[in-house]
Amino acid sequence: MVKKRHFIIVISILLVGLIVGSFLDLQINQAIYSKGNMFGLIMAAFGTVPCYAGLAFLGGGLFGATLKRKDLHPAIRVTCYVLAVVAYGVSIYLGSKDVPSANAFNNESLRLPGIIISAVVFAGVAYLGFRACFKEDRKELWALTLVMIVIFTVGLLPVSYVIKLFIHRPRFRYVVYSGEIPFHNWWESYKAYKDYLATNPVYEGIKITKEEFKSFPSGHSGSAAVLMMFLPYFSSFYPKLKGKETLLFYIGFAFTLLMMFSRMLVGAHYLSDTCMGALLLMIVYFVVHVFAHSRGWIFNEEQPKQELAKE
């Protein structure tokens, strides 16, 4: 798999970005902000799709790997089937919610088409995962799908939802067009946002919601970082990709940087928001990965394979 030094390089870049942003967030956004920028809106609407497609792939893979294995306890088997279906369902929900949101095209009429398109596209991706894991009985693939599903869900939860419940940082775009809310650093929560929303503020005919106070950290950047972590593991599903793990990792990192820039471009996030979103995901990845590796559930090229821990 990817050697540690490459992770250290990426983490170092993100840490530098976080530090720089902590001092220059406002100035950077003032320099690059482009209201209604189409590239930024498209990335906001569809940029998370590769990440959520990865979750659908894992759901299909877990279903196939579980079906192939004959040594699982019935309770574990049923649990895995349920988890596989849930992973697919969650991928559809997450993949369809960004298009109509205030972060993208802000049009609720797009929600149903988004659900239908996500269900169809992700069904195909889930089938690819099913085929990749069903073609042979490999315990490590079964374990890998489980571990990566945990990383997806546990990683995205704090980045996209939990932390935002405590740090209500106003998005730069709203600081600009409201003229009423001052700039806040990432460690400064706008605790009075509920009282402010109670005044029913409206901008260009659209009622302002709490979504404008969820700047920190960036969920889109966290989603892109999930993809960055997952891409190298494609070599476990497709042996032809063996030896290309580092390339896949940096392709994921390039996409993450692109996502981070697009979020700043439309004023949805600051540099510190995007760097922290990606960093938090990488921290979750390492915690779960180290635990799974210590139990012998997943392997890398630096350590000889051992027999998978018994269930």
C-alpha atoms as a PDB file:
ATOM      1  CA  MET A   1       0.000   0.000   0.000  1.00  0.00           C
ATOM      2  CA  VAL A   2       0.975   3.666   0.172  1.00  0.00           C
ATOM      3  CA  LYS A   3       4.083   4.260   2.261  1.00  0.00           C
ATOM      4  CA  LYS A   4       3.842   6.404   5.365  1.00  0.00           C
ATOM      5  CA  ARG A   5       6.009   9.187   3.989  1.00  0.00           C
ATOM      6  CA  HIS A   6       3.362  10.040   1.408  1.00  0.00           C
ATOM      7  CA  PHE A   7       0.722  10.414   4.096  1.00  0.00           C
ATOM      8  CA  ILE A   8       3.135  12.595   6.066  1.00  0.00           C
ATOM      9  CA  ILE A   9       3.666  14.819   3.012  1.00  0.00           C
ATOM     10  CA  VAL A  10      -0.068  15.336   2.530  1.00  0.00           C
ATOM     11  CA  ILE A  11      -0.745  15.886   6.225  1.00  0.00           C
ATOM     12  CA  SER A  12       2.092  18.430   6.363  1.00  0.00           C
ATOM     13  CA  ILE A  13       0.628  20.352   3.412  1.00  0.00           C
ATOM     14  CA  LEU A  14      -2.797  20.410   5.051  1.00  0.00           C
ATOM     15  CA  LEU A  15      -1.338  21.534   8.378  1.00  0.00           C
ATOM     16  CA  VAL A  16       0.503  24.393   6.679  1.00  0.00           C
ATOM     17  CA  GLY A  17      -2.769  25.354   4.997  1.00  0.00           C
ATOM     18  CA  LEU A  18      -4.576  25.305   8.329  1.00  0.00           C
ATOM     19  CA  ILE A  19      -1.948  27.541   9.935  1.00  0.00           C
ATOM     20  CA  VAL A  20      -1.873  29.977   7.012  1.00  0.00           C
ATOM     21  CA  GLY A  21      -5.659  30.058   6.912  1.00  0.00           C
ATOM     22  CA  SER A  22      -5.857  30.777  10.611  1.00  0.00           C
ATOM     23  CA  PHE A  23      -4.128  34.086   9.916  1.00  0.00           C
ATOM     24  CA  LEU A  24      -5.194  34.882   6.343  1.00  0.00           C
ATOM     25  CA  ASP A  25      -8.607  33.263   5.811  1.00  0.00           C
ATOM     26  CA  LEU A  26     -10.395  36.538   5.190  1.00  0.00           C
ATOM     27  CA  GLN A  27      -7.784  37.969   2.838  1.00  0.00           C
ATOM     28  CA  ILE A  28      -7.581  34.759   0.767  1.00  0.00           C
ATOM     29  CA  ASN A  29     -11.343  34.559   0.296  1.00  0.00           C
ATOM     30  CA  GLN A  30     -11.568  38.232  -0.580  1.00  0.00           C
ATOM     31  CA  ALA A  31      -9.005  37.634  -3.319  1.00  0.00           C
ATOM     32  CA  ILE A  32     -10.623  34.590  -4.970  1.00  0.00           C
ATOM     33  CA  TYR A  33     -14.357  34.842  -4.175  1.00  0.00           C
ATOM     34  CA  SER A  34     -16.492  34.542  -7.303  1.00  0.00           C
ATOM     35  CA  LYS A  35     -20.216  34.614  -6.590  1.00  0.00           C
ATOM     36  CA  GLY A  36     -22.179  32.077  -8.617  1.00  0.00           C
ATOM     37  CA  ASN A  37     -19.043  30.638 -10.210  1.00  0.00           C
ATOM     38  CA  MET A  38     -20.320  27.700 -12.314  1.00  0.00           C
ATOM     39  CA  PHE A  39     -17.270  25.513 -11.682  1.00  0.00           C
ATOM     40  CA  GLY A  40     -17.726  25.967  -7.937  1.00  0.00           C
ATOM     41  CA  LEU A  41     -21.457  25.203  -8.125  1.00  0.00           C
ATOM     42  CA  ILE A  42     -20.905  22.066 -10.208  1.00  0.00           C
ATOM     43  CA  MET A  43     -18.298  20.816  -7.754  1.00  0.00           C
ATOM     44  CA  ALA A  44     -20.665  21.553  -4.869  1.00  0.00           C
ATOM     45  CA  ALA A  45     -23.475  19.627  -6.561  1.00  0.00           C
ATOM     46  CA  PHE A  46     -21.563  16.673  -8.007  1.00  0.00           C
ATOM     47  CA  GLY A  47     -18.062  16.730  -6.494  1.00  0.00           C
ATOM     48  CA  THR A  48     -19.037  14.385  -3.662  1.00  0.00           C
ATOM     49  CA  VAL A  49     -20.518  11.792  -6.033  1.00  0.00           C
ATOM     50  CA  PRO A  50     -17.219   9.852  -6.470  1.00  0.00           C
ATOM     51  CA  CYS A  51     -16.943   9.552  -2.686  1.00  0.00           C
ATOM     52  CA  TYR A  52     -20.500   8.319  -2.220  1.00  0.00           C
ATOM     53  CA  ALA A  53     -20.125   6.028  -5.225  1.00  0.00           C
ATOM     54  CA  GLY A  54     -17.226   4.503  -3.306  1.00  0.00           C
ATOM     55  CA  LEU A  55     -19.582   3.762  -0.426  1.00  0.00           C
ATOM     56  CA  ALA A  56     -22.022   2.092  -2.845  1.00  0.00           C
ATOM     57  CA  PHE A  57     -19.112   0.047  -4.242  1.00  0.00           C
ATOM     58  CA  LEU A  58     -18.227  -1.110  -0.742  1.00  0.00           C
ATOM     59  CA  GLY A  59     -21.859  -1.974   0.005  1.00  0.00           C
ATOM     60  CA  GLY A  60     -22.019  -4.186  -3.072  1.00  0.00           C
ATOM     61  CA  GLY A  61     -18.592  -5.605  -2.257  1.00  0.00           C
ATOM     62  CA  LEU A  62     -19.599  -6.494   1.292  1.00  0.00           C
ATOM     63  CA  PHE A  63     -22.736  -8.214   0.005  1.00  0.00           C
ATOM     64  CA  GLY A  64     -20.717 -10.250  -2.492  1.00  0.00           C
ATOM     65  CA  ALA A  65     -17.930 -11.120  -0.054  1.00  0.00           C
ATOM     66  CA  THR A  66     -20.435 -12.190   2.603  1.00  0.00           C
ATOM     67  CA  LEU A  67     -22.402 -14.286   0.132  1.00  0.00           C
ATOM     68  CA  LYS A  68     -19.206 -16.012  -0.992  1.00  0.00           C
ATOM     69  CA  ARG A  69     -18.039 -16.929   2.494  1.00  0.00           C
ATOM     70  CA  LYS A  70     -19.454 -20.120   3.957  1.00  0.00           C
ATOM     71  CA  ASP A  71     -17.838 -19.971   7.393  1.00  0.00           C
ATOM     72  CA  LEU A  72     -19.689 -16.982   8.857  1.00  0.00           C
ATOM     73  CA  HIS A  73     -22.068 -17.277  11.782  1.00  0.00           C
ATOM     74  CA  PRO A  74     -25.659 -16.659  10.632  1.00  0.00           C
ATOM     75  CA  ALA A  75     -25.975 -13.586  12.856  1.00  0.00           C
ATOM     76  CA  ILE A  76     -22.797 -12.078  11.371  1.00  0.00           C
ATOM     77  CA  ARG A  77     -23.980 -12.932   7.866  1.00  0.00           C
ATOM     78  CA  VAL A  78     -27.343 -11.208   8.350  1.00  0.00           C
ATOM     79  CA  THR A  79     -25.652  -8.190   9.957  1.00  0.00           C
ATOM     80  CA  CYS A  80     -23.321  -7.839   6.968  1.00  0.00           C
ATOM     81  CA  TYR A  81     -26.206  -8.064   4.506  1.00  0.00           C
ATOM     82  CA  VAL A  82     -28.065  -5.351   6.391  1.00  0.00           C
ATOM     83  CA  LEU A  83     -24.943  -3.183   6.546  1.00  0.00           C
ATOM     84  CA  ALA A  84     -24.418  -3.637   2.802  1.00  0.00           C
ATOM     85  CA  VAL A  85     -27.967  -2.502   2.032  1.00  0.00           C
ATOM     86  CA  VAL A  86     -27.635   0.434   4.431  1.00  0.00           C
ATOM     87  CA  ALA A  87     -24.357   1.498   2.791  1.00  0.00           C
ATOM     88  CA  TYR A  88     -26.066   1.522  -0.591  1.00  0.00           C
ATOM     89  CA  GLY A  89     -29.075   3.418   0.768  1.00  0.00           C
ATOM     90  CA  VAL A  90     -26.915   6.012   2.500  1.00  0.00           C
ATOM     91  CA  SER A  91     -24.897   6.510  -0.686  1.00  0.00           C
ATOM     92  CA  ILE A  92     -28.123   7.362  -2.536  1.00  0.00           C
ATOM     93  CA  TYR A  93     -29.232   9.796   0.170  1.00  0.00           C
ATOM     94  CA  LEU A  94     -25.880  11.540   0.362  1.00  0.00           C
ATOM     95  CA  GLY A  95     -25.337  11.538  -3.386  1.00  0.00           C
ATOM     96  CA  SER A  96     -28.660  13.248  -4.055  1.00  0.00           C
ATOM     97  CA  LYS A  97     -28.795  15.828  -1.278  1.00  0.00           C
ATOM     98  CA  ASP A  98     -26.082  18.187  -2.540  1.00  0.00           C
ATOM     99  CA  VAL A  99     -27.652  19.116  -5.894  1.00  0.00           C
ATOM    100  CA  PRO A 100     -30.758  20.908  -4.516  1.00  0.00           C
ATOM    101  CA  SER A 101     -28.998  22.301  -1.425  1.00  0.00           C
ATOM    102  CA  ALA A 102     -28.124  25.923  -0.702  1.00  0.00           C
ATOM    103  CA  ASN A 103     -24.494  24.989  -1.379  1.00  0.00           C
ATOM    104  CA  ALA A 104     -25.261  24.174  -5.005  1.00  0.00           C
ATOM    105  CA  PHE A 105     -28.303  25.065  -7.128  1.00  0.00           C
ATOM    106  CA  ASN A 106     -30.654  25.798  -4.204  1.00  0.00           C
ATOM    107  CA  ASN A 107     -33.660  24.239  -5.943  1.00  0.00           C
ATOM    108  CA  GLU A 108     -35.785  21.668  -4.097  1.00  0.00           C
ATOM    109  CA  SER A 109     -37.421  20.532  -7.349  1.00  0.00           C
ATOM    110  CA  LEU A 110     -34.108  18.823  -8.175  1.00  0.00           C
ATOM    111  CA  ARG A 111     -34.263  16.513  -5.149  1.00  0.00           C
ATOM    112  CA  LEU A 112     -36.379  13.723  -6.682  1.00  0.00           C
ATOM    113  CA  PRO A 113     -34.416  13.589  -9.970  1.00  0.00           C
ATOM    114  CA  GLY A 114     -31.239  13.512  -7.872  1.00  0.00           C
ATOM    115  CA  ILE A 115     -32.491  10.505  -5.905  1.00  0.00           C
ATOM    116  CA  ILE A 116     -33.494   8.618  -9.041  1.00  0.00           C
ATOM    117  CA  ILE A 117     -30.214   9.318 -10.836  1.00  0.00           C
ATOM    118  CA  SER A 118     -28.164   8.387  -7.755  1.00  0.00           C
ATOM    119  CA  ALA A 119     -30.108   5.140  -7.280  1.00  0.00           C
ATOM    120  CA  VAL A 120     -29.513   4.079 -10.879  1.00  0.00           C
ATOM    121  CA  VAL A 121     -25.855   5.114 -11.107  1.00  0.00           C
ATOM    122  CA  PHE A 122     -24.926   3.742  -7.691  1.00  0.00           C
ATOM    123  CA  ALA A 123     -26.707   0.453  -8.434  1.00  0.00           C
ATOM    124  CA  GLY A 124     -24.220  -0.056 -11.255  1.00  0.00           C
ATOM    125  CA  VAL A 125     -21.311   0.860  -8.989  1.00  0.00           C
ATOM    126  CA  ALA A 126     -22.587  -1.489  -6.254  1.00  0.00           C
ATOM    127  CA  TYR A 127     -22.744  -4.271  -8.844  1.00  0.00           C
ATOM    128  CA  LEU A 128     -19.094  -3.659  -9.735  1.00  0.00           C
ATOM    129  CA  GLY A 129     -18.204  -4.008  -6.061  1.00  0.00           C
ATOM    130  CA  PHE A 130     -20.281  -7.194  -5.856  1.00  0.00           C
ATOM    131  CA  ARG A 131     -18.477  -8.734  -8.827  1.00  0.00           C
ATOM    132  CA  ALA A 132     -15.038  -7.740  -7.520  1.00  0.00           C
ATOM    133  CA  CYS A 133     -15.635  -9.495  -4.197  1.00  0.00           C
ATOM    134  CA  PHE A 134     -17.741 -12.450  -5.314  1.00  0.00           C
ATOM    135  CA  LYS A 135     -15.355 -13.877  -7.882  1.00  0.00           C
ATOM    136  CA  GLU A 136     -13.224 -15.515  -5.186  1.00  0.00           C
ATOM    137  CA  ASP A 137     -13.431 -16.301  -1.488  1.00  0.00           C
ATOM    138  CA  ARG A 138     -10.922 -13.889   0.038  1.00  0.00           C
ATOM    139  CA  LYS A 139     -11.339 -13.120   3.706  1.00  0.00           C
ATOM    140  CA  GLU A 140      -9.238  -9.979   3.449  1.00  0.00           C
ATOM    141  CA  LEU A 141     -11.682  -8.469   0.937  1.00  0.00           C
ATOM    142  CA  TRP A 142     -14.586  -9.141   3.276  1.00  0.00           C
ATOM    143  CA  ALA A 143     -12.674  -7.490   6.135  1.00  0.00           C
ATOM    144  CA  LEU A 144     -11.511  -4.610   3.935  1.00  0.00           C
ATOM    145  CA  THR A 145     -15.060  -3.712   2.876  1.00  0.00           C
ATOM    146  CA  LEU A 146     -16.133  -3.660   6.521  1.00  0.00           C
ATOM    147  CA  VAL A 147     -13.197  -1.501   7.606  1.00  0.00           C
ATOM    148  CA  MET A 148     -13.622   0.981   4.763  1.00  0.00           C
ATOM    149  CA  ILE A 149     -17.366   1.314   5.383  1.00  0.00           C
ATOM    150  CA  VAL A 150     -16.546   2.191   9.002  1.00  0.00           C
ATOM    151  CA  ILE A 151     -14.001   4.779   7.822  1.00  0.00           C
ATOM    152  CA  PHE A 152     -16.541   6.297   5.424  1.00  0.00           C
ATOM    153  CA  THR A 153     -19.309   6.597   8.018  1.00  0.00           C
ATOM    154  CA  VAL A 154     -17.272   7.403  11.129  1.00  0.00           C
ATOM    155  CA  GLY A 155     -15.063   9.783   9.170  1.00  0.00           C
ATOM    156  CA  LEU A 156     -17.813  11.777   7.490  1.00  0.00           C
ATOM    157  CA  LEU A 157     -20.033  12.010  10.580  1.00  0.00           C
ATOM    158  CA  PRO A 158     -17.863  14.390  12.647  1.00  0.00           C
ATOM    159  CA  VAL A 159     -16.675  16.346   9.612  1.00  0.00           C
ATOM    160  CA  SER A 160     -20.049  16.858   7.962  1.00  0.00           C
ATOM    161  CA  TYR A 161     -22.396  17.035  10.925  1.00  0.00           C
ATOM    162  CA  VAL A 162     -21.219  16.790  14.544  1.00  0.00           C
ATOM    163  CA  ILE A 163     -18.586  19.548  14.729  1.00  0.00           C
ATOM    164  CA  LYS A 164     -20.843  21.917  12.801  1.00  0.00           C
ATOM    165  CA  LEU A 165     -23.366  21.602  15.639  1.00  0.00           C
ATOM    166  CA  PHE A 166     -20.915  23.277  18.002  1.00  0.00           C
ATOM    167  CA  ILE A 167     -18.960  25.669  15.794  1.00  0.00           C
ATOM    168  CA  HIS A 168     -21.387  27.899  13.909  1.00  0.00           C
ATOM    169  CA  ARG A 169     -18.978  29.759  11.693  1.00  0.00           C
ATOM    170  CA  PRO A 170     -20.697  32.078   9.178  1.00  0.00           C
ATOM    171  CA  ARG A 171     -19.840  31.244   5.591  1.00  0.00           C
ATOM    172  CA  PHE A 172     -17.855  33.909   3.764  1.00  0.00           C
ATOM    173  CA  ARG A 173     -20.565  34.325   1.132  1.00  0.00           C
ATOM    174  CA  TYR A 174     -23.065  35.355   3.794  1.00  0.00           C
ATOM    175  CA  VAL A 175     -20.602  37.646   5.522  1.00  0.00           C
ATOM    176  CA  VAL A 176     -20.284  39.412   2.168  1.00  0.00           C
ATOM    177  CA  TYR A 177     -23.878  39.732   1.037  1.00  0.00           C
ATOM    178  CA  SER A 178     -25.564  40.232   4.409  1.00  0.00           C
ATOM    179  CA  GLY A 179     -23.316  43.047   5.543  1.00  0.00           C
ATOM    180  CA  GLU A 180     -24.590  42.301   9.044  1.00  0.00           C
ATOM    181  CA  ILE A 181     -22.508  39.341  10.208  1.00  0.00           C
ATOM    182  CA  PRO A 182     -18.804  39.968  10.930  1.00  0.00           C
ATOM    183  CA  PHE A 183     -16.027  37.602   9.902  1.00  0.00           C
ATOM    184  CA  HIS A 184     -15.312  34.843  12.435  1.00  0.00           C
ATOM    185  CA  ASN A 185     -12.140  32.785  12.785  1.00  0.00           C
ATOM    186  CA  TRP A 186     -12.573  29.008  12.827  1.00  0.00           C
ATOM    187  CA  TRP A 187     -12.320  28.849  16.615  1.00  0.00           C
ATOM    188  CA  GLU A 188     -14.974  31.552  17.076  1.00  0.00           C
ATOM    189  CA  SER A 189     -18.526  30.220  17.092  1.00  0.00           C
ATOM    190  CA  TYR A 190     -21.341  32.629  16.208  1.00  0.00           C
ATOM    191  CA  LYS A 191     -23.482  31.559  19.153  1.00  0.00           C
ATOM    192  CA  ALA A 192     -26.154  34.140  18.460  1.00  0.00           C
ATOM    193  CA  TYR A 193     -27.043  32.679  15.065  1.00  0.00           C
ATOM    194  CA  LYS A 194     -30.399  31.290  16.297  1.00  0.00           C
ATOM    195  CA  ASP A 195     -31.468  34.706  17.504  1.00  0.00           C
ATOM    196  CA  TYR A 196     -30.357  36.156  14.179  1.00  0.00           C
ATOM    197  CA  LEU A 197     -32.315  33.579  12.171  1.00  0.00           C
ATOM    198  CA  ALA A 198     -35.378  34.327  14.315  1.00  0.00           C
ATOM    199  CA  THR A 199     -35.513  37.717  12.571  1.00  0.00           C
ATOM    200  CA  ASN A 200     -36.300  35.808   9.336  1.00  0.00           C
ATOM    201  CA  PRO A 201     -33.494  37.295   7.211  1.00  0.00           C
ATOM    202  CA  VAL A 202     -34.028  37.033   3.463  1.00  0.00           C
ATOM    203  CA  TYR A 203     -31.514  37.502   0.655  1.00  0.00           C
ATOM    204  CA  GLU A 204     -32.583  37.817  -2.986  1.00  0.00           C
ATOM    205  CA  GLY A 205     -35.978  36.343  -2.111  1.00  0.00           C
ATOM    206  CA  ILE A 206     -34.519  33.281  -0.349  1.00  0.00           C
ATOM    207  CA  LYS A 207     -34.926  32.789   3.376  1.00  0.00           C
ATOM    208  CA  ILE A 208     -31.592  32.322   5.144  1.00  0.00           C
ATOM    209  CA  THR A 209     -31.243  29.098   7.154  1.00  0.00           C
ATOM    210  CA  LYS A 210     -28.723  27.645   9.585  1.00  0.00           C
ATOM    211  CA  GLU A 211     -26.880  26.245   6.547  1.00  0.00           C
ATOM    212  CA  GLU A 212     -25.145  29.639   6.286  1.00  0.00           C
ATOM    213  CA  PHE A 213     -23.574  29.041   9.701  1.00  0.00           C
ATOM    214  CA  LYS A 214     -21.951  25.677   8.964  1.00  0.00           C
ATOM    215  CA  SER A 215     -18.672  26.807   7.471  1.00  0.00           C
ATOM    216  CA  PHE A 216     -16.343  24.839   9.747  1.00  0.00           C
ATOM    217  CA  PRO A 217     -15.179  22.238   8.875  1.00  0.00           C
ATOM    218  CA  SER A 218     -15.761  21.524   5.191  1.00  0.00           C
ATOM    219  CA  GLY A 219     -17.813  18.380   4.613  1.00  0.00           C
ATOM    220  CA  HIS A 220     -17.109  18.431   0.876  1.00  0.00           C
ATOM    221  CA  SER A 221     -13.354  18.463   1.547  1.00  0.00           C
ATOM    222  CA  GLY A 222     -13.757  15.589   4.002  1.00  0.00           C
ATOM    223  CA  SER A 223     -15.652  13.608   1.366  1.00  0.00           C
ATOM    224  CA  ALA A 224     -12.875  14.181  -1.148  1.00  0.00           C
ATOM    225  CA  ALA A 225     -10.309  13.054   1.434  1.00  0.00           C
ATOM    226  CA  VAL A 226     -12.290   9.833   1.958  1.00  0.00           C
ATOM    227  CA  LEU A 227     -11.876   9.142  -1.734  1.00  0.00           C
ATOM    228  CA  MET A 228      -8.156   9.879  -1.438  1.00  0.00           C
ATOM    229  CA  MET A 229      -7.871   7.251   1.306  1.00  0.00           C
ATOM    230  CA  PHE A 230      -9.962   4.696  -0.546  1.00  0.00           C
ATOM    231  CA  LEU A 231      -8.480   4.842  -4.059  1.00  0.00           C
ATOM    232  CA  PRO A 232      -5.211   3.004  -3.182  1.00  0.00           C
ATOM    233  CA  TYR A 233      -7.261   0.038  -1.942  1.00  0.00           C
ATOM    234  CA  PHE A 234      -8.660  -0.502  -5.423  1.00  0.00           C
ATOM    235  CA  SER A 235      -5.571  -2.639  -6.014  1.00  0.00           C
ATOM    236  CA  SER A 236      -7.039  -5.133  -3.539  1.00  0.00           C
ATOM    237  CA  PHE A 237     -10.170  -5.452  -5.667  1.00  0.00           C
ATOM    238  CA  TYR A 238      -8.426  -5.221  -9.046  1.00  0.00           C
ATOM    239  CA  PRO A 239      -4.980  -6.922  -9.035  1.00  0.00           C
ATOM    240  CA  LYS A 240      -4.007  -5.119 -12.271  1.00  0.00           C
ATOM    241  CA  LEU A 241      -3.651  -1.959 -10.178  1.00  0.00           C
ATOM    242  CA  LYS A 242      -0.998  -3.497  -7.947  1.00  0.00           C
ATOM    243  CA  GLY A 243       1.996  -1.179  -7.705  1.00  0.00           C
ATOM    244  CA  LYS A 244      -0.071   1.879  -8.593  1.00  0.00           C
ATOM    245  CA  GLU A 245      -1.295   2.629  -5.059  1.00  0.00           C
ATOM    246  CA  THR A 246       0.855   5.742  -4.641  1.00  0.00           C
ATOM    247  CA  LEU A 247      -0.340   7.140  -7.981  1.00  0.00           C
ATOM    248  CA  LEU A 248      -3.968   6.518  -6.969  1.00  0.00           C
ATOM    249  CA  PHE A 249      -3.335   8.228  -3.646  1.00  0.00           C
ATOM    250  CA  TYR A 250      -1.987  11.380  -5.286  1.00  0.00           C
ATOM    251  CA  ILE A 251      -4.800  11.395  -7.832  1.00  0.00           C
ATOM    252  CA  GLY A 252      -7.146  11.452  -4.827  1.00  0.00           C
ATOM    253  CA  PHE A 253      -5.115  14.222  -3.237  1.00  0.00           C
ATOM    254  CA  ALA A 254      -5.242  16.304  -6.422  1.00  0.00           C
ATOM    255  CA  PHE A 255      -9.018  15.898  -6.459  1.00  0.00           C
ATOM    256  CA  THR A 256      -9.154  16.897  -2.781  1.00  0.00           C
ATOM    257  CA  LEU A 257      -7.204  20.098  -3.514  1.00  0.00           C
ATOM    258  CA  LEU A 258      -9.537  20.847  -6.414  1.00  0.00           C
ATOM    259  CA  MET A 259     -12.541  20.390  -4.151  1.00  0.00           C
ATOM    260  CA  MET A 260     -10.996  22.611  -1.467  1.00  0.00           C
ATOM    261  CA  PHE A 261     -10.352  25.396  -3.976  1.00  0.00           C
ATOM    262  CA  SER A 262     -13.873  25.166  -5.417  1.00  0.00           C
ATOM    263  CA  ARG A 263     -15.437  25.540  -1.958  1.00  0.00           C
ATOM    264  CA  MET A 264     -13.403  28.679  -1.311  1.00  0.00           C
ATOM    265  CA  LEU A 265     -14.117  30.025  -4.790  1.00  0.00           C
ATOM    266  CA  VAL A 266     -17.871  30.279  -4.125  1.00  0.00           C
ATOM    267  CA  GLY A 267     -17.422  31.544  -0.568  1.00  0.00           C
ATOM    268  CA  ALA A 268     -18.813  28.399   1.056  1.00  0.00           C
ATOM    269  CA  HIS A 269     -15.652  27.814   3.086  1.00  0.00           C
ATOM    270  CA  TYR A 270     -12.332  29.308   4.116  1.00  0.00           C
ATOM    271  CA  LEU A 271      -8.908  27.711   3.688  1.00  0.00           C
ATOM    272  CA  SER A 272      -8.851  26.605   7.328  1.00  0.00           C
ATOM    273  CA  ASP A 273     -12.289  24.960   6.916  1.00  0.00           C
ATOM    274  CA  THR A 274     -11.168  22.884   3.961  1.00  0.00           C
ATOM    275  CA  CYS A 275      -7.827  21.861   5.466  1.00  0.00           C
ATOM    276  CA  MET A 276      -9.441  20.847   8.745  1.00  0.00           C
ATOM    277  CA  GLY A 277     -12.122  18.827   6.946  1.00  0.00           C
ATOM    278  CA  ALA A 278      -9.490  16.788   5.115  1.00  0.00           C
ATOM    279  CA  LEU A 279      -7.259  16.478   8.194  1.00  0.00           C
ATOM    280  CA  LEU A 280     -10.058  15.179  10.410  1.00  0.00           C
ATOM    281  CA  LEU A 281     -10.898  12.506   7.895  1.00  0.00           C
ATOM    282  CA  MET A 282      -7.262  11.421   7.709  1.00  0.00           C
ATOM    283  CA  ILE A 283      -7.103  11.215  11.507  1.00  0.00           C
ATOM    284  CA  VAL A 284     -10.180   8.978  11.583  1.00  0.00           C
ATOM    285  CA  TYR A 285      -8.654   6.872   8.821  1.00  0.00           C
ATOM    286  CA  PHE A 286      -5.436   6.330  10.753  1.00  0.00           C
ATOM    287  CA  VAL A 287      -7.208   5.430  14.001  1.00  0.00           C
ATOM    288  CA  VAL A 288      -9.467   2.863  12.340  1.00  0.00           C
ATOM    289  CA  HIS A 289      -6.745   1.624   9.994  1.00  0.00           C
ATOM    290  CA  VAL A 290      -4.179   1.092  12.768  1.00  0.00           C
ATOM    291  CA  PHE A 291      -6.732  -0.792  14.874  1.00  0.00           C
ATOM    292  CA  ALA A 292      -7.778  -2.999  11.941  1.00  0.00           C
ATOM    293  CA  HIS A 293      -4.146  -3.583  10.991  1.00  0.00           C
ATOM    294  CA  SER A 294      -3.208  -4.557  14.565  1.00  0.00           C
ATOM    295  CA  ARG A 295      -5.979  -7.167  14.514  1.00  0.00           C
ATOM    296  CA  GLY A 296      -4.717  -8.576  11.224  1.00  0.00           C
ATOM    297  CA  TRP A 297      -7.862  -7.639   9.320  1.00  0.00           C
ATOM    298  CA  ILE A 298      -6.093  -5.664   6.584  1.00  0.00           C
ATOM    299  CA  PHE A 299      -2.548  -5.780   5.331  1.00  0.00           C
ATOM    300  CA  ASN A 300       0.032  -3.743   3.476  1.00  0.00           C
ATOM    301  CA  GLU A 301       3.137  -4.560   1.490  1.00  0.00           C
ATOM    302  CA  GLU A 302       5.462  -3.632   4.320  1.00  0.00           C
ATOM    303  CA  GLN A 303       4.195  -6.474   6.507  1.00  0.00           C
ATOM    304  CA  PRO A 304       3.842 -10.096   5.406  1.00  0.00           C
ATOM    305  CA  LYS A 305       0.267 -11.345   5.337  1.00  0.00           C
ATOM    306  CA  GLN A 306      -0.905 -13.293   8.323  1.00  0.00           C
ATOM    307  CA  GLU A 307      -4.016 -15.380   8.557  1.00  0.00           C
ATOM    308  CA  LEU A 308      -7.083 -13.242   9.075  1.00  0.00           C
ATOM    309  CA  ALA A 309      -8.173 -13.096  12.705  1.00  0.00           C
ATOM    310  CA  LYS A 310     -10.936 -15.561  13.390  1.00  0.00           C
ATOM    311  CA  GLU A 311     -14.426 -14.207  13.863  1.00  0.00           C
END
